[in-house]
């Protein structure tokens, strides 16, 4: 646990940084997105390409915001769970240490 806290303090821990496993469902979906984008772009005129790029940027920004909110929500839920678990024993049994 201390090692993780030290990494966090020193800025060496970033839960948002991760690699996609080759052959995973996510990797396949990302490849499909790339292939379809490459197939679509030649079919569009300049205005269509510009609009499509703006769409991609906005869609990516929205997805990142949703991912960030989900992370924060999950982190908060985990913290509340830990507080509950480590909090005062208000049950009918005594803690056995």
N, C-alpha and C. Protein backbone atom coordinates (compact mmCIF):
# COMPACT_ATOMS: atom_id res chain seq x y z
N UNK A 1 0.83 -1.20 0.00
CA UNK A 1 0.00 0.00 0.00
C UNK A 1 0.86 1.24 0.00
N UNK A 2 1.95 1.23 0.73
CA UNK A 2 2.81 2.40 0.81
C UNK A 2 3.38 2.75 -0.56
N UNK A 3 3.76 1.73 -1.30
CA UNK A 3 4.34 1.96 -2.63
C UNK A 3 3.35 2.73 -3.53
N UNK A 4 2.10 2.37 -3.49
CA UNK A 4 1.08 3.05 -4.29
C UNK A 4 0.93 4.50 -3.84
N UNK A 5 0.92 4.73 -2.54
CA UNK A 5 0.80 6.09 -2.02
C UNK A 5 2.01 6.94 -2.42
N UNK A 6 3.20 6.34 -2.41
CA UNK A 6 4.39 7.06 -2.84
C UNK A 6 4.31 7.41 -4.33
N UNK A 7 3.85 6.48 -5.13
CA UNK A 7 3.68 6.74 -6.57
C UNK A 7 2.67 7.87 -6.79
N UNK A 8 1.58 7.84 -6.05
CA UNK A 8 0.57 8.87 -6.15
C UNK A 8 1.15 10.23 -5.78
N UNK A 9 1.89 10.29 -4.68
CA UNK A 9 2.50 11.53 -4.22
C UNK A 9 3.48 12.09 -5.25
N UNK A 10 4.27 11.22 -5.85
CA UNK A 10 5.30 11.63 -6.81
C UNK A 10 4.78 11.82 -8.23
N UNK A 11 3.49 11.60 -8.43
CA UNK A 11 2.90 11.78 -9.76
C UNK A 11 3.19 10.63 -10.71
N UNK A 12 3.59 9.48 -10.16
CA UNK A 12 3.91 8.32 -10.99
C UNK A 12 2.75 7.35 -11.14
N UNK A 13 1.63 7.67 -10.54
CA UNK A 13 0.46 6.79 -10.60
C UNK A 13 -0.67 7.50 -11.32
N UNK A 14 -1.10 6.92 -12.40
CA UNK A 14 -2.20 7.49 -13.16
C UNK A 14 -3.13 6.37 -13.60
N UNK A 15 -4.27 6.21 -12.92
CA UNK A 15 -5.18 5.11 -13.26
C UNK A 15 -5.78 5.25 -14.66
N UNK A 16 -5.70 6.44 -15.25
CA UNK A 16 -6.27 6.63 -16.59
C UNK A 16 -5.34 6.11 -17.68
N UNK A 17 -4.07 5.91 -17.37
CA UNK A 17 -3.12 5.42 -18.36
C UNK A 17 -3.11 3.90 -18.35
N UNK A 18 -3.42 3.32 -19.48
CA UNK A 18 -3.41 1.88 -19.59
C UNK A 18 -3.29 1.49 -21.06
N UNK A 19 -2.87 0.28 -21.30
CA UNK A 19 -2.73 -0.24 -22.65
C UNK A 19 -3.90 -1.18 -22.95
N UNK A 20 -4.25 -1.24 -24.22
CA UNK A 20 -5.32 -2.14 -24.64
C UNK A 20 -4.69 -3.48 -25.02
N UNK A 21 -5.22 -4.56 -24.48
CA UNK A 21 -4.70 -5.88 -24.79
C UNK A 21 -5.02 -6.26 -26.24
N UNK A 22 -4.00 -6.72 -26.95
CA UNK A 22 -4.21 -7.19 -28.33
C UNK A 22 -5.20 -8.34 -28.33
N UNK A 23 -6.11 -8.31 -29.28
CA UNK A 23 -7.10 -9.38 -29.40
C UNK A 23 -8.29 -9.23 -28.48
N UNK A 24 -8.29 -8.23 -27.60
CA UNK A 24 -9.43 -8.05 -26.71
C UNK A 24 -10.61 -7.47 -27.48
N UNK A 25 -11.78 -7.54 -26.89
CA UNK A 25 -12.98 -6.97 -27.52
C UNK A 25 -12.78 -5.49 -27.81
N UNK A 26 -12.17 -4.78 -26.86
CA UNK A 26 -11.94 -3.35 -27.05
C UNK A 26 -10.98 -3.10 -28.21
N UNK A 27 -9.92 -3.87 -28.31
CA UNK A 27 -8.96 -3.71 -29.41
C UNK A 27 -9.64 -3.93 -30.75
N UNK A 28 -10.50 -4.93 -30.83
CA UNK A 28 -11.22 -5.21 -32.07
C UNK A 28 -12.17 -4.08 -32.43
N UNK A 29 -12.87 -3.54 -31.44
CA UNK A 29 -13.78 -2.42 -31.70
C UNK A 29 -13.01 -1.18 -32.15
N UNK A 30 -11.86 -0.93 -31.54
CA UNK A 30 -11.05 0.22 -31.94
C UNK A 30 -10.53 0.06 -33.37
N UNK A 31 -10.15 -1.16 -33.73
CA UNK A 31 -9.72 -1.41 -35.11
C UNK A 31 -10.86 -1.20 -36.09
N UNK A 32 -12.07 -1.59 -35.70
CA UNK A 32 -13.22 -1.40 -36.57
C UNK A 32 -13.50 0.08 -36.78
N UNK A 33 -13.39 0.87 -35.72
CA UNK A 33 -13.59 2.31 -35.82
C UNK A 33 -12.57 2.91 -36.79
N UNK A 34 -11.32 2.51 -36.66
CA UNK A 34 -10.27 3.03 -37.53
C UNK A 34 -10.51 2.63 -38.98
N UNK A 35 -10.84 1.37 -39.21
CA UNK A 35 -11.10 0.90 -40.59
C UNK A 35 -12.26 1.66 -41.22
N UNK A 36 -13.35 1.83 -40.46
CA UNK A 36 -14.51 2.51 -41.02
C UNK A 36 -14.24 3.98 -41.28
N UNK A 37 -13.45 4.61 -40.42
CA UNK A 37 -13.07 6.00 -40.66
C UNK A 37 -12.25 6.11 -41.93
N UNK A 38 -11.30 5.20 -42.11
CA UNK A 38 -10.46 5.21 -43.31
C UNK A 38 -11.29 4.97 -44.57
N UNK A 39 -12.33 4.18 -44.47
CA UNK A 39 -13.20 3.91 -45.63
C UNK A 39 -14.15 5.07 -45.90
N UNK A 40 -14.56 5.77 -44.86
CA UNK A 40 -15.53 6.85 -45.00
C UNK A 40 -14.90 8.14 -45.53
N UNK A 41 -13.73 8.49 -45.06
CA UNK A 41 -13.12 9.78 -45.43
C UNK A 41 -12.99 9.99 -46.94
N UNK A 42 -12.58 9.00 -47.73
CA UNK A 42 -12.48 9.23 -49.18
C UNK A 42 -13.83 9.51 -49.86
N UNK A 43 -14.91 9.14 -49.20
CA UNK A 43 -16.25 9.35 -49.77
C UNK A 43 -16.79 10.75 -49.52
N UNK A 44 -16.13 11.50 -48.64
CA UNK A 44 -16.63 12.81 -48.25
C UNK A 44 -15.91 13.93 -48.99
N UNK A 45 -16.66 15.01 -49.26
CA UNK A 45 -16.01 16.21 -49.80
C UNK A 45 -15.37 16.97 -48.64
N UNK A 46 -14.75 18.10 -48.94
CA UNK A 46 -14.02 18.86 -47.91
C UNK A 46 -14.94 19.24 -46.75
N UNK A 47 -16.12 19.76 -47.06
CA UNK A 47 -17.05 20.16 -45.99
C UNK A 47 -17.46 18.96 -45.15
N UNK A 48 -17.72 17.84 -45.82
CA UNK A 48 -18.09 16.62 -45.10
C UNK A 48 -16.97 16.13 -44.20
N UNK A 49 -15.73 16.20 -44.70
CA UNK A 49 -14.58 15.79 -43.88
C UNK A 49 -14.43 16.69 -42.66
N UNK A 50 -14.60 18.01 -42.87
CA UNK A 50 -14.49 18.94 -41.75
C UNK A 50 -15.56 18.66 -40.69
N UNK A 51 -16.79 18.44 -41.14
CA UNK A 51 -17.88 18.15 -40.20
C UNK A 51 -17.63 16.83 -39.47
N UNK A 52 -17.15 15.85 -40.23
CA UNK A 52 -16.88 14.55 -39.63
C UNK A 52 -15.79 14.65 -38.57
N UNK A 53 -14.73 15.39 -38.85
CA UNK A 53 -13.65 15.58 -37.88
C UNK A 53 -14.16 16.29 -36.63
N UNK A 54 -15.03 17.28 -36.80
CA UNK A 54 -15.62 17.96 -35.64
C UNK A 54 -16.48 17.00 -34.83
N UNK A 55 -17.21 16.15 -35.54
CA UNK A 55 -18.02 15.14 -34.87
C UNK A 55 -17.14 14.19 -34.06
N UNK A 56 -16.05 13.72 -34.65
CA UNK A 56 -15.13 12.82 -33.96
C UNK A 56 -14.55 13.48 -32.71
N UNK A 57 -14.14 14.75 -32.84
CA UNK A 57 -13.58 15.47 -31.70
C UNK A 57 -14.60 15.62 -30.58
N UNK A 58 -15.83 16.01 -30.94
CA UNK A 58 -16.87 16.19 -29.93
C UNK A 58 -17.25 14.85 -29.29
N UNK A 59 -17.34 13.82 -30.09
CA UNK A 59 -17.68 12.50 -29.59
C UNK A 59 -16.60 11.99 -28.64
N UNK A 60 -15.35 12.19 -28.99
CA UNK A 60 -14.24 11.78 -28.14
C UNK A 60 -14.23 12.56 -26.82
N UNK A 61 -14.50 13.86 -26.90
CA UNK A 61 -14.53 14.69 -25.69
C UNK A 61 -15.67 14.23 -24.77
N UNK A 62 -16.82 13.94 -25.35
CA UNK A 62 -17.96 13.49 -24.54
C UNK A 62 -17.66 12.14 -23.90
N UNK A 63 -17.04 11.23 -24.64
CA UNK A 63 -16.70 9.91 -24.10
C UNK A 63 -15.69 10.05 -22.97
N UNK A 64 -14.72 10.95 -23.12
CA UNK A 64 -13.72 11.16 -22.07
C UNK A 64 -14.38 11.72 -20.81
N UNK A 65 -15.31 12.65 -20.99
CA UNK A 65 -16.02 13.21 -19.83
C UNK A 65 -16.82 12.13 -19.11
N UNK A 66 -17.49 11.28 -19.87
CA UNK A 66 -18.26 10.18 -19.26
C UNK A 66 -17.34 9.22 -18.53
N UNK A 67 -16.18 8.92 -19.12
CA UNK A 67 -15.22 8.03 -18.48
C UNK A 67 -14.71 8.64 -17.18
N UNK A 68 -14.44 9.93 -17.20
CA UNK A 68 -13.96 10.62 -16.00
C UNK A 68 -15.02 10.62 -14.91
N UNK A 69 -16.26 10.90 -15.28
CA UNK A 69 -17.35 10.90 -14.30
C UNK A 69 -17.56 9.51 -13.71
N UNK A 70 -17.47 8.48 -14.55
CA UNK A 70 -17.64 7.11 -14.06
C UNK A 70 -16.51 6.75 -13.10
N UNK A 71 -15.28 7.17 -13.41
CA UNK A 71 -14.15 6.91 -12.52
C UNK A 71 -14.37 7.58 -11.17
N UNK A 72 -14.74 8.86 -11.21
CA UNK A 72 -14.95 9.61 -9.96
C UNK A 72 -16.07 8.99 -9.14
N UNK A 73 -17.15 8.63 -9.81
CA UNK A 73 -18.28 8.01 -9.12
C UNK A 73 -17.87 6.68 -8.49
N UNK A 74 -17.14 5.87 -9.22
CA UNK A 74 -16.68 4.59 -8.69
C UNK A 74 -15.71 4.75 -7.54
N UNK A 75 -14.81 5.73 -7.67
CA UNK A 75 -13.84 5.99 -6.60
C UNK A 75 -14.56 6.43 -5.34
N UNK A 76 -15.54 7.31 -5.49
CA UNK A 76 -16.31 7.78 -4.33
C UNK A 76 -17.09 6.63 -3.69
N UNK A 77 -17.68 5.77 -4.52
CA UNK A 77 -18.43 4.63 -3.98
C UNK A 77 -17.49 3.70 -3.21
N UNK A 78 -16.29 3.48 -3.75
CA UNK A 78 -15.31 2.65 -3.06
C UNK A 78 -14.88 3.26 -1.74
N UNK A 79 -14.67 4.57 -1.73
CA UNK A 79 -14.28 5.26 -0.50
C UNK A 79 -15.39 5.17 0.54
N UNK A 80 -16.64 5.36 0.11
CA UNK A 80 -17.76 5.25 1.06
C UNK A 80 -17.85 3.83 1.63
N UNK A 81 -17.60 2.85 0.77
CA UNK A 81 -17.62 1.46 1.22
C UNK A 81 -16.53 1.22 2.26
N UNK A 82 -15.34 1.73 2.02
CA UNK A 82 -14.26 1.58 3.00
C UNK A 82 -14.58 2.27 4.31
N UNK A 83 -15.15 3.46 4.23
CA UNK A 83 -15.53 4.18 5.46
C UNK A 83 -16.55 3.36 6.25
N UNK A 84 -17.49 2.77 5.55
CA UNK A 84 -18.51 1.95 6.21
C UNK A 84 -17.87 0.72 6.85
N UNK A 85 -16.99 0.07 6.11
CA UNK A 85 -16.35 -1.16 6.61
C UNK A 85 -15.45 -0.86 7.80
N UNK A 86 -14.71 0.22 7.73
CA UNK A 86 -13.74 0.53 8.79
C UNK A 86 -14.34 1.39 9.91
N UNK A 87 -15.59 1.77 9.75
CA UNK A 87 -16.23 2.64 10.74
C UNK A 87 -16.58 1.92 12.03
N UNK A 88 -17.31 2.63 12.85
CA UNK A 88 -17.72 2.13 14.16
C UNK A 88 -18.57 0.87 14.00
N UNK A 89 -18.32 -0.09 14.87
CA UNK A 89 -19.11 -1.31 14.87
C UNK A 89 -20.44 -1.01 15.55
N UNK A 90 -21.51 -0.98 14.76
CA UNK A 90 -22.82 -0.68 15.32
C UNK A 90 -23.75 -1.89 15.24
N UNK A 91 -23.13 -3.07 15.07
CA UNK A 91 -23.93 -4.29 14.97
C UNK A 91 -24.12 -4.96 16.32
N UNK A 92 -24.60 -6.18 16.28
CA UNK A 92 -24.90 -6.96 17.50
C UNK A 92 -23.72 -7.78 17.97
N UNK A 93 -22.70 -7.96 17.14
CA UNK A 93 -21.53 -8.76 17.50
C UNK A 93 -20.35 -7.88 17.81
N UNK A 94 -19.43 -8.41 18.62
CA UNK A 94 -18.18 -7.70 18.88
C UNK A 94 -17.17 -8.06 17.80
N UNK A 95 -16.24 -7.15 17.54
CA UNK A 95 -15.18 -7.44 16.60
C UNK A 95 -14.20 -8.42 17.23
N UNK A 96 -13.77 -9.40 16.46
CA UNK A 96 -12.76 -10.33 16.98
C UNK A 96 -11.44 -9.99 16.32
N UNK A 97 -10.50 -9.55 17.14
CA UNK A 97 -9.18 -9.14 16.61
C UNK A 97 -8.16 -10.16 16.85
